[in-house]
Structure formats: C-alpha cells, structure tokens
Amino acid sequence: MANTLNIPQSPPVDIKTGNWAPEWLQWIQSPSFLSIQTGNALGPSSGGTGTTGTPPSGSILVGNGTTYSISTSLPVAALPAFGGDATSSAGSATLTFATVNSTPGAYGSGTTVSTFTVNGKGLITAVANANITGSPGAFTAVGGFGCNSKTAQTSAAVGAAIAGSAGVVYTGTEQGLINSLLSLVNQLRAALVANGITV
C-alpha cells in the first residue's frame, strides 16, 4: 500500500503576512492521507470501476449497486420502453405487436375467396370473404374436339387416330393442338373436382 500526503494545493506561507496559510494550518492540525492499494482496482467510491478487467470492444460497464461488471448488453431491468408497431414497457424484454385487424380468424371456403387490405409495412389491416360469382353447376365435361372443320373425336378416338387405325387422321400440327387442349381440359376437370364441383 502506498500512502500519499494529501496536502493543500497552495503555498504554505502567506507572502503578505509571513504567516502560515489558513488551509495549511488546518491541514497541520489534522493531516489527511490518500491511501491507494495499487495492486487492486480502484473502487467506485474512489471514482474507479472496481474491476481490473479490460472491457472488450463494444462492451459496457453495468453497475450492480456495489461495483461494475463488464457486459455486452444492457440487463433487462435497464431496458427503456419501446413504442411504434411493437411496444414494450420499461424494464421488459417482451415486445407486443399492435392490433391492426380486429377480425382475426379463418377465411375462404369452397364458395368464397378471401380479400385483404395490406398497409405500407406489409401488415394485413383488413380481411373479408367474397362470394365466388357465376354458376359452377353450369360446367359440363367435354368428351372430344375437332380441328379445322374436321370431325370431333373423343380422347380415346384421338389415340386411335394417332395410330392411323380409326377416325379422321389429323396432321401433326392439328393433332398437337388437340392433345394440348385435351390436357388443359383434364387439368380443369381435376381442379373442379378438387373444389367439390361435379363435372
């Protein structure tokens, strides 16, 4: 331990009177010493941090009531309140999103589709159901097609026509168009059936 005299920072003698300066007289009557333990960290009561560790880059000193600890984040109790679309109370790490839609739930069905309103932040602010218009029951299955005024054929007949063994023989281009149309009709039929529409 190193003891250092904590002497007044002024001349000991008053040059006008030639007597001891008042602050020196007071110190002589009751001298004070500043004691420093050079091997230990300077405590908070003496203006130090109470720690000998070197703070890493980006870290902070967090007081615990007696000394300080090195941390890379604020303790939850020290967090401020946050506002905006997500809010929290001071001293809490729980964020609560603001309610932007007062009617949460499931939407859409076999006869309705969902409609949405989206704000500039990507939040859905309104949602509703809209009825599907039209008459789904009016759809009818198509069993065959013709091309360029030639006789319409069912899909089975088309297969036979490709082999050249029955029905009207189409050119390669015509047959390609028919095959594409049949594929689209089959896809449409499958989609309707999947949505409960009998075709």
N, C-alpha and C. Protein backbone atom coordinates (compact mmCIF):
# COMPACT_ATOMS: atom_id res chain seq x y z
N MET A 1 0.85 -1.19 0.00
CA MET A 1 0.00 0.00 0.00
C MET A 1 0.88 1.24 0.00
N ALA A 2 0.56 2.18 -0.86
CA ALA A 2 1.32 3.42 -0.94
C ALA A 2 0.52 4.54 -0.33
N ASN A 3 1.08 5.25 0.66
CA ASN A 3 0.41 6.38 1.29
C ASN A 3 0.96 7.68 0.72
N THR A 4 0.09 8.53 0.28
CA THR A 4 0.48 9.80 -0.30
C THR A 4 -0.13 10.92 0.51
N LEU A 5 0.69 11.90 0.86
CA LEU A 5 0.17 13.05 1.59
C LEU A 5 -0.80 13.83 0.72
N ASN A 6 -1.96 14.05 1.25
CA ASN A 6 -2.98 14.81 0.54
C ASN A 6 -2.89 16.26 1.01
N ILE A 7 -1.81 16.94 0.57
CA ILE A 7 -1.53 18.29 1.08
C ILE A 7 -2.30 19.35 0.31
N PRO A 8 -2.53 20.51 0.91
CA PRO A 8 -3.22 21.59 0.21
C PRO A 8 -2.44 22.02 -1.03
N GLN A 9 -3.17 22.40 -2.05
CA GLN A 9 -2.55 22.82 -3.31
C GLN A 9 -2.36 24.35 -3.33
N SER A 10 -1.61 24.86 -2.36
CA SER A 10 -1.35 26.31 -2.28
C SER A 10 -0.04 26.50 -1.50
N PRO A 11 0.58 27.67 -1.61
CA PRO A 11 1.81 27.92 -0.84
C PRO A 11 1.54 27.82 0.67
N PRO A 12 2.44 27.21 1.42
CA PRO A 12 2.21 27.06 2.86
C PRO A 12 2.27 28.38 3.65
N VAL A 13 2.97 29.41 3.09
CA VAL A 13 3.12 30.69 3.81
C VAL A 13 2.45 31.80 3.01
N ASP A 14 1.69 32.61 3.74
CA ASP A 14 1.04 33.75 3.12
C ASP A 14 2.10 34.84 2.95
N ILE A 15 2.41 35.22 1.69
CA ILE A 15 3.52 36.17 1.44
C ILE A 15 3.20 37.58 1.95
N LYS A 16 1.94 37.86 2.17
CA LYS A 16 1.59 39.21 2.65
C LYS A 16 1.82 39.34 4.15
N THR A 17 1.51 38.25 4.87
CA THR A 17 1.62 38.33 6.34
C THR A 17 2.84 37.59 6.87
N GLY A 18 3.40 36.69 6.06
CA GLY A 18 4.52 35.89 6.51
C GLY A 18 4.12 34.77 7.45
N ASN A 19 2.83 34.58 7.63
CA ASN A 19 2.31 33.51 8.48
C ASN A 19 1.89 32.30 7.65
N TRP A 20 1.62 31.19 8.38
CA TRP A 20 1.10 30.01 7.69
C TRP A 20 -0.24 30.35 7.04
N ALA A 21 -0.42 29.82 5.84
CA ALA A 21 -1.72 29.99 5.17
C ALA A 21 -2.79 29.22 5.95
N PRO A 22 -4.03 29.77 6.01
CA PRO A 22 -5.09 29.13 6.81
C PRO A 22 -5.31 27.66 6.45
N GLU A 23 -5.29 27.31 5.13
CA GLU A 23 -5.53 25.91 4.75
C GLU A 23 -4.42 25.00 5.23
N TRP A 24 -3.19 25.56 5.28
CA TRP A 24 -2.08 24.75 5.80
C TRP A 24 -2.18 24.58 7.31
N LEU A 25 -2.56 25.61 8.01
CA LEU A 25 -2.76 25.50 9.46
C LEU A 25 -3.81 24.44 9.78
N GLN A 26 -4.88 24.43 8.97
CA GLN A 26 -5.93 23.44 9.20
C GLN A 26 -5.42 22.04 8.92
N TRP A 27 -4.62 21.88 7.85
CA TRP A 27 -4.12 20.55 7.49
C TRP A 27 -3.10 20.06 8.53
N ILE A 28 -2.23 21.01 9.02
CA ILE A 28 -1.23 20.63 10.03
C ILE A 28 -1.91 20.12 11.30
N GLN A 29 -3.02 20.76 11.67
CA GLN A 29 -3.74 20.35 12.86
C GLN A 29 -4.44 18.99 12.67
N SER A 30 -4.79 18.67 11.41
CA SER A 30 -5.46 17.40 11.13
C SER A 30 -5.05 16.93 9.74
N PRO A 31 -3.85 16.40 9.63
CA PRO A 31 -3.36 15.98 8.29
C PRO A 31 -4.19 14.81 7.75
N SER A 32 -4.35 14.79 6.44
CA SER A 32 -5.09 13.70 5.79
C SER A 32 -4.17 13.00 4.79
N PHE A 33 -4.49 11.73 4.58
CA PHE A 33 -3.69 10.91 3.67
C PHE A 33 -4.62 10.26 2.64
N LEU A 34 -4.12 10.14 1.47
CA LEU A 34 -4.84 9.41 0.42
C LEU A 34 -4.19 8.05 0.30
N SER A 35 -4.94 7.00 0.65
CA SER A 35 -4.41 5.65 0.61
C SER A 35 -4.88 4.94 -0.65
N ILE A 36 -3.96 4.38 -1.39
CA ILE A 36 -4.28 3.67 -2.62
C ILE A 36 -3.65 2.29 -2.58
N GLN A 37 -4.47 1.26 -2.79
CA GLN A 37 -3.96 -0.10 -2.91
C GLN A 37 -3.63 -0.31 -4.38
N THR A 38 -2.38 -0.19 -4.73
CA THR A 38 -2.01 -0.21 -6.15
C THR A 38 -2.19 -1.56 -6.80
N GLY A 39 -2.27 -2.62 -6.01
CA GLY A 39 -2.43 -3.95 -6.60
C GLY A 39 -3.86 -4.29 -6.92
N ASN A 40 -4.82 -3.51 -6.42
CA ASN A 40 -6.24 -3.78 -6.66
C ASN A 40 -6.85 -2.68 -7.51
N ALA A 41 -8.04 -2.99 -8.02
CA ALA A 41 -8.76 -1.99 -8.82
C ALA A 41 -9.28 -0.90 -7.91
N LEU A 42 -9.33 0.31 -8.41
CA LEU A 42 -9.87 1.44 -7.67
C LEU A 42 -11.39 1.28 -7.61
N GLY A 43 -11.96 1.30 -6.43
CA GLY A 43 -13.39 1.09 -6.24
C GLY A 43 -14.24 2.25 -6.70
N PRO A 44 -15.54 2.02 -6.90
CA PRO A 44 -16.45 3.09 -7.33
C PRO A 44 -16.48 4.26 -6.37
N SER A 45 -16.33 4.01 -5.06
CA SER A 45 -16.38 5.11 -4.10
C SER A 45 -15.21 6.05 -4.26
N SER A 46 -14.13 5.57 -4.90
CA SER A 46 -12.96 6.42 -5.15
C SER A 46 -12.88 6.86 -6.60
N GLY A 47 -13.97 6.64 -7.35
CA GLY A 47 -14.01 7.08 -8.74
C GLY A 47 -13.57 6.04 -9.73
N GLY A 48 -13.30 4.79 -9.27
CA GLY A 48 -12.88 3.74 -10.19
C GLY A 48 -14.03 2.86 -10.62
N THR A 49 -13.68 1.79 -11.33
CA THR A 49 -14.70 0.87 -11.83
C THR A 49 -14.86 -0.35 -10.94
N GLY A 50 -13.90 -0.60 -10.06
CA GLY A 50 -13.98 -1.78 -9.21
C GLY A 50 -13.60 -3.06 -9.92
N THR A 51 -13.10 -2.95 -11.14
CA THR A 51 -12.72 -4.14 -11.90
C THR A 51 -11.36 -3.93 -12.56
N THR A 52 -10.59 -5.01 -12.63
CA THR A 52 -9.27 -4.92 -13.27
C THR A 52 -9.31 -5.42 -14.70
N GLY A 53 -10.48 -5.95 -15.13
CA GLY A 53 -10.58 -6.49 -16.49
C GLY A 53 -10.58 -5.40 -17.54
N THR A 54 -10.08 -5.74 -18.70
CA THR A 54 -10.10 -4.80 -19.82
C THR A 54 -11.39 -5.00 -20.61
N PRO A 55 -12.25 -4.00 -20.70
CA PRO A 55 -13.52 -4.18 -21.40
C PRO A 55 -13.29 -4.51 -22.88
N PRO A 56 -13.94 -5.58 -23.40
CA PRO A 56 -13.84 -5.87 -24.83
C PRO A 56 -14.48 -4.76 -25.66
N SER A 57 -14.13 -4.71 -26.92
CA SER A 57 -14.71 -3.71 -27.81
C SER A 57 -16.22 -3.85 -27.85
N GLY A 58 -16.91 -2.75 -27.71
CA GLY A 58 -18.36 -2.74 -27.77
C GLY A 58 -19.05 -3.07 -26.47
N SER A 59 -18.29 -3.32 -25.40
CA SER A 59 -18.90 -3.68 -24.12
C SER A 59 -19.21 -2.43 -23.30
N ILE A 60 -19.96 -2.62 -22.22
CA ILE A 60 -20.33 -1.52 -21.34
C ILE A 60 -20.11 -1.96 -19.89
N LEU A 61 -19.99 -0.98 -18.99
CA LEU A 61 -19.90 -1.27 -17.57
C LEU A 61 -21.29 -1.12 -16.97
N VAL A 62 -21.75 -2.16 -16.27
CA VAL A 62 -23.08 -2.17 -15.69
C VAL A 62 -22.95 -2.18 -14.17
N GLY A 63 -23.49 -1.15 -13.51
CA GLY A 63 -23.42 -1.08 -12.05
C GLY A 63 -24.36 -2.08 -11.41
N ASN A 64 -23.89 -2.70 -10.30
CA ASN A 64 -24.74 -3.66 -9.59
C ASN A 64 -25.04 -3.21 -8.17
N GLY A 65 -24.80 -1.96 -7.87
CA GLY A 65 -25.06 -1.43 -6.54
C GLY A 65 -23.82 -1.37 -5.66
N THR A 66 -22.81 -2.17 -6.00
CA THR A 66 -21.56 -2.18 -5.23
C THR A 66 -20.37 -1.87 -6.12
N THR A 67 -20.35 -2.51 -7.28
CA THR A 67 -19.24 -2.31 -8.21
C THR A 67 -19.80 -2.34 -9.63
N TYR A 68 -18.95 -2.58 -10.61
CA TYR A 68 -19.38 -2.66 -12.00
C TYR A 68 -19.00 -4.01 -12.59
N SER A 69 -19.77 -4.47 -13.54
CA SER A 69 -19.41 -5.67 -14.29
C SER A 69 -19.38 -5.32 -15.77
N ILE A 70 -18.54 -6.04 -16.50
CA ILE A 70 -18.42 -5.82 -17.94
C ILE A 70 -19.49 -6.64 -18.64
N SER A 71 -20.23 -6.01 -19.54
CA SER A 71 -21.31 -6.69 -20.25
C SER A 71 -21.35 -6.22 -21.70
N THR A 72 -21.90 -7.07 -22.56
CA THR A 72 -22.07 -6.69 -23.96
C THR A 72 -23.51 -6.26 -24.24
N SER A 73 -24.36 -6.25 -23.21
CA SER A 73 -25.74 -5.82 -23.40
C SER A 73 -26.28 -5.27 -22.10
N LEU A 74 -27.32 -4.47 -22.21
CA LEU A 74 -27.97 -3.95 -21.02
C LEU A 74 -28.77 -5.05 -20.33
N PRO A 75 -28.81 -5.07 -19.01
CA PRO A 75 -29.70 -6.02 -18.35
C PRO A 75 -31.15 -5.65 -18.65
N VAL A 76 -32.04 -6.65 -18.59
CA VAL A 76 -33.44 -6.41 -18.92
C VAL A 76 -34.03 -5.28 -18.09
N ALA A 77 -33.67 -5.23 -16.82
CA ALA A 77 -34.23 -4.20 -15.93
C ALA A 77 -33.87 -2.78 -16.39
N ALA A 78 -32.80 -2.64 -17.17
CA ALA A 78 -32.36 -1.31 -17.61
C ALA A 78 -32.91 -0.93 -18.98
N LEU A 79 -33.66 -1.85 -19.63
CA LEU A 79 -34.18 -1.55 -20.97
C LEU A 79 -35.24 -0.45 -20.89
N PRO A 80 -35.22 0.46 -21.85
CA PRO A 80 -36.24 1.52 -21.86
C PRO A 80 -37.54 1.00 -22.47
N ALA A 81 -38.57 1.81 -22.41
CA ALA A 81 -39.83 1.46 -23.08
C ALA A 81 -39.68 1.71 -24.58
N PHE A 82 -40.29 0.85 -25.38
CA PHE A 82 -40.27 1.00 -26.82
C PHE A 82 -41.69 1.28 -27.32
N GLY A 83 -41.79 2.05 -28.41
CA GLY A 83 -43.09 2.37 -28.99
C GLY A 83 -43.10 2.05 -30.47
N GLY A 84 -44.25 2.29 -31.11
CA GLY A 84 -44.38 2.02 -32.53
C GLY A 84 -45.29 0.84 -32.77
N ASP A 85 -45.05 0.09 -33.87
CA ASP A 85 -45.87 -1.07 -34.19
C ASP A 85 -45.66 -2.20 -33.19
N ALA A 86 -44.49 -2.23 -32.54
CA ALA A 86 -44.22 -3.19 -31.47
C ALA A 86 -43.80 -2.41 -30.24
N THR A 87 -44.47 -2.63 -29.13
CA THR A 87 -44.22 -1.84 -27.92
C THR A 87 -43.79 -2.74 -26.77
N SER A 88 -43.11 -2.13 -25.80
CA SER A 88 -42.74 -2.84 -24.57
C SER A 88 -42.68 -1.83 -23.44
N SER A 89 -42.83 -2.33 -22.22
CA SER A 89 -42.72 -1.48 -21.04
C SER A 89 -41.26 -1.36 -20.63
N ALA A 90 -40.92 -0.31 -19.92
CA ALA A 90 -39.56 -0.15 -19.41
C ALA A 90 -39.22 -1.33 -18.50
N GLY A 91 -38.02 -1.87 -18.67
CA GLY A 91 -37.59 -2.99 -17.85
C GLY A 91 -38.15 -4.32 -18.30
N SER A 92 -38.70 -4.39 -19.51
CA SER A 92 -39.25 -5.64 -20.04
C SER A 92 -38.66 -5.94 -21.40
N ALA A 93 -38.38 -7.23 -21.67
CA ALA A 93 -37.85 -7.63 -22.97
C ALA A 93 -38.94 -8.22 -23.85
N THR A 94 -40.20 -8.10 -23.45
CA THR A 94 -41.33 -8.65 -24.22
C THR A 94 -41.90 -7.57 -25.13
N LEU A 95 -41.89 -7.84 -26.45
CA LEU A 95 -42.47 -6.92 -27.42
C LEU A 95 -43.89 -7.36 -27.74
N THR A 96 -44.80 -6.40 -27.83
CA THR A 96 -46.20 -6.69 -28.15
C THR A 96 -46.57 -5.95 -29.43
N PHE A 97 -47.00 -6.70 -30.45
CA PHE A 97 -47.38 -6.07 -31.71
C PHE A 97 -48.75 -5.42 -31.58
N ALA A 98 -48.89 -4.26 -32.19
CA ALA A 98 -50.17 -3.56 -32.18
C ALA A 98 -51.19 -4.34 -32.99
N THR A 99 -52.46 -4.32 -32.56
CA THR A 99 -53.53 -4.98 -33.29
C THR A 99 -53.94 -4.10 -34.47
N VAL A 100 -53.81 -4.64 -35.68
CA VAL A 100 -54.18 -3.87 -36.87
C VAL A 100 -55.40 -4.46 -37.57
N ASN A 101 -55.86 -5.62 -37.11
CA ASN A 101 -57.03 -6.26 -37.71
C ASN A 101 -57.91 -6.78 -36.58
N SER A 102 -59.11 -6.27 -36.48
CA SER A 102 -59.99 -6.61 -35.36
C SER A 102 -60.79 -7.88 -35.60
N THR A 103 -60.62 -8.51 -36.76
CA THR A 103 -61.41 -9.72 -37.06
C THR A 103 -60.49 -10.86 -37.48
N PRO A 104 -59.65 -11.35 -36.56
CA PRO A 104 -58.80 -12.49 -36.91
C PRO A 104 -59.63 -13.76 -37.05
N GLY A 105 -59.13 -14.73 -37.76
CA GLY A 105 -59.85 -16.00 -37.92
C GLY A 105 -59.52 -16.64 -39.24
N ALA A 106 -60.28 -17.69 -39.57
CA ALA A 106 -60.08 -18.43 -40.82
C ALA A 106 -60.98 -17.84 -41.90
N TYR A 107 -60.45 -17.73 -43.09
CA TYR A 107 -61.20 -17.15 -44.20
C TYR A 107 -61.07 -18.06 -45.43
N GLY A 108 -62.04 -17.91 -46.34
CA GLY A 108 -62.03 -18.70 -47.56
C GLY A 108 -62.76 -20.02 -47.38
N SER A 109 -63.43 -20.46 -48.44
CA SER A 109 -64.14 -21.75 -48.42
C SER A 109 -64.34 -22.21 -49.85
N GLY A 110 -65.17 -23.25 -50.01
CA GLY A 110 -65.43 -23.74 -51.36
C GLY A 110 -66.26 -22.80 -52.19
N THR A 111 -66.92 -21.82 -51.52
CA THR A 111 -67.77 -20.89 -52.26
C THR A 111 -67.34 -19.43 -52.08
N THR A 112 -66.28 -19.20 -51.30
CA THR A 112 -65.81 -17.82 -51.09
C THR A 112 -64.30 -17.75 -51.25
N VAL A 113 -63.83 -16.55 -51.54
CA VAL A 113 -62.40 -16.29 -51.57
C VAL A 113 -62.11 -15.15 -50.60
N SER A 114 -60.88 -15.09 -50.11
CA SER A 114 -60.50 -14.06 -49.14
C SER A 114 -60.01 -12.80 -49.86
N THR A 115 -60.39 -11.63 -49.31
CA THR A 115 -59.87 -10.36 -49.81
C THR A 115 -59.11 -9.69 -48.67
N PHE A 116 -58.01 -9.00 -49.00
CA PHE A 116 -57.13 -8.43 -47.98
C PHE A 116 -56.86 -6.96 -48.26
N THR A 117 -56.57 -6.23 -47.17
CA THR A 117 -56.03 -4.88 -47.26
C THR A 117 -54.69 -4.89 -46.56
N VAL A 118 -53.62 -4.51 -47.26
CA VAL A 118 -52.27 -4.55 -46.74
C VAL A 118 -51.72 -3.13 -46.68
N ASN A 119 -51.14 -2.74 -45.51
CA ASN A 119 -50.59 -1.39 -45.40
C ASN A 119 -49.16 -1.34 -45.93
N GLY A 120 -48.55 -0.18 -45.85
CA GLY A 120 -47.22 0.01 -46.41
C GLY A 120 -46.14 -0.80 -45.71
N LYS A 121 -46.41 -1.31 -44.51
CA LYS A 121 -45.43 -2.11 -43.78
C LYS A 121 -45.66 -3.61 -43.97
N GLY A 122 -46.60 -3.96 -44.85
CA GLY A 122 -46.86 -5.37 -45.11
C GLY A 122 -47.80 -6.02 -44.13
N LEU A 123 -48.44 -5.22 -43.26
CA LEU A 123 -49.38 -5.77 -42.28
C LEU A 123 -50.78 -5.83 -42.88
N ILE A 124 -51.48 -6.95 -42.65
CA ILE A 124 -52.86 -7.09 -43.12
C ILE A 124 -53.75 -6.32 -42.16
N THR A 125 -54.36 -5.25 -42.63
CA THR A 125 -55.18 -4.40 -41.77
C THR A 125 -56.66 -4.73 -41.87
N ALA A 126 -57.07 -5.48 -42.87
CA ALA A 126 -58.48 -5.88 -43.01
C ALA A 126 -58.54 -7.14 -43.85
N VAL A 127 -59.50 -8.01 -43.55
CA VAL A 127 -59.69 -9.24 -44.30
C VAL A 127 -61.17 -9.57 -44.32
N ALA A 128 -61.65 -10.10 -45.42
CA ALA A 128 -63.07 -10.43 -45.54
C ALA A 128 -63.23 -11.55 -46.56
N ASN A 129 -64.42 -12.12 -46.60
CA ASN A 129 -64.75 -13.15 -47.59
C ASN A 129 -65.56 -12.52 -48.71
N ALA A 130 -65.35 -12.98 -49.93
CA ALA A 130 -66.14 -12.55 -51.07
C ALA A 130 -66.68 -13.79 -51.76
N ASN A 131 -67.98 -13.78 -52.09
CA ASN A 131 -68.59 -14.94 -52.74
C ASN A 131 -68.04 -15.12 -54.14
N ILE A 132 -67.88 -16.38 -54.54
CA ILE A 132 -67.48 -16.69 -55.91
C ILE A 132 -68.71 -16.58 -56.79
N THR A 133 -68.67 -15.68 -57.78
CA THR A 133 -69.84 -15.48 -58.63
C THR A 133 -69.82 -16.45 -59.80
N GLY A 134 -70.96 -16.55 -60.47
CA GLY A 134 -71.07 -17.48 -61.59
C GLY A 134 -71.86 -18.70 -61.15
N SER A 135 -71.96 -19.67 -62.04
CA SER A 135 -72.73 -20.88 -61.78
C SER A 135 -71.84 -22.09 -61.99
N PRO A 136 -71.18 -22.55 -60.90
CA PRO A 136 -70.29 -23.70 -61.06
C PRO A 136 -70.98 -24.91 -61.65
N GLY A 137 -72.29 -25.06 -61.37
CA GLY A 137 -73.00 -26.23 -61.88
C GLY A 137 -73.18 -26.20 -63.38
N ALA A 138 -72.92 -25.06 -64.01
CA ALA A 138 -73.11 -24.96 -65.46
C ALA A 138 -71.96 -25.55 -66.24
N PHE A 139 -70.87 -25.91 -65.56
CA PHE A 139 -69.75 -26.50 -66.28
C PHE A 139 -70.13 -27.91 -66.74
N THR A 140 -69.76 -28.22 -67.96
CA THR A 140 -70.02 -29.57 -68.48
C THR A 140 -68.73 -30.17 -69.00
N ALA A 141 -68.64 -31.47 -68.90
CA ALA A 141 -67.45 -32.18 -69.38
C ALA A 141 -67.44 -32.19 -70.90
N VAL A 142 -66.29 -32.07 -71.46
CA VAL A 142 -66.12 -32.12 -72.91
C VAL A 142 -65.45 -33.44 -73.26
N GLY A 143 -66.10 -34.22 -74.12
CA GLY A 143 -65.56 -35.54 -74.43
C GLY A 143 -64.70 -35.59 -75.67
N GLY A 144 -64.71 -34.56 -76.53
CA GLY A 144 -63.91 -34.64 -77.73
C GLY A 144 -63.77 -33.30 -78.41
N PHE A 145 -62.85 -33.19 -79.34
CA PHE A 145 -62.58 -31.95 -80.05
C PHE A 145 -62.41 -32.23 -81.54
N GLY A 146 -62.73 -31.21 -82.32
CA GLY A 146 -62.40 -31.26 -83.73
C GLY A 146 -61.40 -30.17 -84.02
N CYS A 147 -60.84 -30.16 -85.22
CA CYS A 147 -59.86 -29.14 -85.57
C CYS A 147 -59.95 -28.87 -87.06
N ASN A 148 -59.98 -27.58 -87.44
CA ASN A 148 -60.03 -27.17 -88.84
C ASN A 148 -61.21 -27.84 -89.57
N SER A 149 -62.40 -27.79 -88.94
CA SER A 149 -63.65 -28.28 -89.53
C SER A 149 -63.69 -29.79 -89.70
N LYS A 150 -62.77 -30.53 -89.10
CA LYS A 150 -62.81 -31.98 -89.18
C LYS A 150 -63.60 -32.54 -88.01
N THR A 151 -64.03 -33.75 -88.12
CA THR A 151 -64.93 -34.35 -87.15
C THR A 151 -64.29 -34.39 -85.76
N ALA A 152 -65.11 -34.03 -84.76
CA ALA A 152 -64.63 -34.09 -83.38
C ALA A 152 -64.45 -35.54 -82.95
N GLN A 153 -63.45 -35.77 -82.14
CA GLN A 153 -63.18 -37.12 -81.66
C GLN A 153 -63.01 -37.11 -80.14
N THR A 154 -63.40 -38.19 -79.52
CA THR A 154 -63.16 -38.32 -78.10
C THR A 154 -61.68 -38.60 -77.88
N SER A 155 -61.26 -38.51 -76.61
CA SER A 155 -59.86 -38.73 -76.33
C SER A 155 -59.42 -40.12 -76.73
N ALA A 156 -60.31 -41.10 -76.59
CA ALA A 156 -59.96 -42.47 -77.00
C ALA A 156 -59.80 -42.55 -78.50
N ALA A 157 -60.69 -41.86 -79.21
CA ALA A 157 -60.61 -41.87 -80.66
C ALA A 157 -59.37 -41.14 -81.15
N VAL A 158 -58.97 -40.09 -80.39
CA VAL A 158 -57.76 -39.36 -80.77
C VAL A 158 -56.57 -40.30 -80.73
N GLY A 159 -56.51 -41.11 -79.67
CA GLY A 159 -55.41 -42.06 -79.57
C GLY A 159 -55.39 -43.00 -80.76
N ALA A 160 -56.58 -43.44 -81.15
CA ALA A 160 -56.65 -44.35 -82.30
C ALA A 160 -56.26 -43.63 -83.58
N ALA A 161 -56.67 -42.34 -83.66
CA ALA A 161 -56.35 -41.58 -84.87
C ALA A 161 -54.86 -41.38 -84.99
N ILE A 162 -54.18 -41.20 -83.84
CA ILE A 162 -52.74 -41.03 -83.89
C ILE A 162 -52.08 -42.26 -84.49
N ALA A 163 -52.65 -43.42 -84.15
CA ALA A 163 -52.09 -44.66 -84.70
C ALA A 163 -52.50 -44.87 -86.14
N GLY A 164 -53.44 -44.04 -86.63
CA GLY A 164 -53.86 -44.13 -88.01
C GLY A 164 -54.76 -45.32 -88.27
N SER A 165 -55.39 -45.88 -87.20
CA SER A 165 -56.20 -47.08 -87.40
C SER A 165 -57.69 -46.79 -87.37
N ALA A 166 -58.12 -45.58 -86.98
CA ALA A 166 -59.54 -45.29 -86.94
C ALA A 166 -59.75 -43.79 -86.97
N GLY A 167 -60.95 -43.37 -87.37
CA GLY A 167 -61.33 -41.97 -87.33
C GLY A 167 -60.59 -41.14 -88.36
N VAL A 168 -60.78 -39.83 -88.25
CA VAL A 168 -60.14 -38.88 -89.15
C VAL A 168 -58.69 -38.70 -88.73
N VAL A 169 -57.81 -38.74 -89.69
CA VAL A 169 -56.39 -38.57 -89.40
C VAL A 169 -56.04 -37.08 -89.51
N TYR A 170 -55.51 -36.53 -88.44
CA TYR A 170 -55.11 -35.13 -88.42
C TYR A 170 -53.63 -35.00 -88.79
N THR A 171 -53.29 -33.82 -89.22
CA THR A 171 -51.87 -33.55 -89.44
C THR A 171 -51.17 -33.49 -88.09
N GLY A 172 -49.84 -33.52 -88.11
CA GLY A 172 -49.08 -33.46 -86.85
C GLY A 172 -49.38 -32.20 -86.06
N THR A 173 -49.51 -31.06 -86.77
CA THR A 173 -49.79 -29.79 -86.09
C THR A 173 -51.18 -29.81 -85.47
N GLU A 174 -52.18 -30.31 -86.24
CA GLU A 174 -53.54 -30.39 -85.73
C GLU A 174 -53.62 -31.31 -84.52
N GLN A 175 -52.97 -32.45 -84.63
CA GLN A 175 -53.03 -33.41 -83.53
C GLN A 175 -52.36 -32.85 -82.27
N GLY A 176 -51.28 -32.07 -82.47
CA GLY A 176 -50.62 -31.46 -81.33
C GLY A 176 -51.52 -30.49 -80.61
N LEU A 177 -52.29 -29.69 -81.40
CA LEU A 177 -53.24 -28.76 -80.80
C LEU A 177 -54.31 -29.50 -80.01
N ILE A 178 -54.82 -30.58 -80.59
CA ILE A 178 -55.87 -31.35 -79.91
C ILE A 178 -55.34 -31.93 -78.61
N ASN A 179 -54.14 -32.48 -78.66
CA ASN A 179 -53.56 -33.06 -77.45
C ASN A 179 -53.39 -32.01 -76.35
N SER A 180 -52.97 -30.80 -76.74
CA SER A 180 -52.79 -29.73 -75.77
C SER A 180 -54.12 -29.33 -75.15
N LEU A 181 -55.17 -29.23 -76.00
CA LEU A 181 -56.49 -28.87 -75.50
C LEU A 181 -57.03 -29.93 -74.55
N LEU A 182 -56.86 -31.20 -74.92
CA LEU A 182 -57.33 -32.27 -74.06
C LEU A 182 -56.62 -32.24 -72.71
N SER A 183 -55.33 -31.93 -72.71
CA SER A 183 -54.57 -31.86 -71.47
C SER A 183 -55.09 -30.74 -70.57
N LEU A 184 -55.39 -29.58 -71.20
CA LEU A 184 -55.93 -28.46 -70.43
C LEU A 184 -57.31 -28.78 -69.86
N VAL A 185 -58.17 -29.45 -70.64
CA VAL A 185 -59.50 -29.81 -70.15
C VAL A 185 -59.39 -30.78 -68.98
N ASN A 186 -58.49 -31.74 -69.09
CA ASN A 186 -58.32 -32.71 -68.00
C ASN A 186 -57.83 -32.01 -66.72
N GLN A 187 -56.93 -31.04 -66.88
CA GLN A 187 -56.46 -30.29 -65.71
C GLN A 187 -57.60 -29.48 -65.09
N LEU A 188 -58.43 -28.84 -65.95
CA LEU A 188 -59.57 -28.07 -65.46
C LEU A 188 -60.56 -28.98 -64.74
N ARG A 189 -60.83 -30.16 -65.32
CA ARG A 189 -61.76 -31.10 -64.71
C ARG A 189 -61.25 -31.53 -63.32
N ALA A 190 -59.93 -31.80 -63.21
CA ALA A 190 -59.36 -32.22 -61.93
C ALA A 190 -59.46 -31.10 -60.89
N ALA A 191 -59.25 -29.84 -61.33
CA ALA A 191 -59.33 -28.71 -60.40
C ALA A 191 -60.76 -28.51 -59.91
N LEU A 192 -61.73 -28.67 -60.81
CA LEU A 192 -63.13 -28.51 -60.41
C LEU A 192 -63.54 -29.59 -59.42
N VAL A 193 -63.14 -30.81 -59.69
CA VAL A 193 -63.49 -31.92 -58.81
C VAL A 193 -62.85 -31.70 -57.43
N ALA A 194 -61.59 -31.22 -57.42
CA ALA A 194 -60.89 -30.99 -56.16
C ALA A 194 -61.60 -29.93 -55.32
N ASN A 195 -62.36 -29.05 -55.97
CA ASN A 195 -63.10 -28.00 -55.26
C ASN A 195 -64.57 -28.36 -55.05
N GLY A 196 -64.88 -29.63 -55.21
CA GLY A 196 -66.24 -30.10 -54.91
C GLY A 196 -67.24 -29.85 -56.01
N ILE A 197 -66.79 -29.57 -57.22
CA ILE A 197 -67.71 -29.32 -58.33
C ILE A 197 -67.75 -30.56 -59.21
N THR A 198 -68.92 -31.13 -59.34
CA THR A 198 -69.07 -32.35 -60.13
C THR A 198 -69.14 -32.01 -61.61
N VAL A 199 -68.31 -32.69 -62.38
CA VAL A 199 -68.32 -32.44 -63.84
C VAL A 199 -68.43 -33.76 -64.56
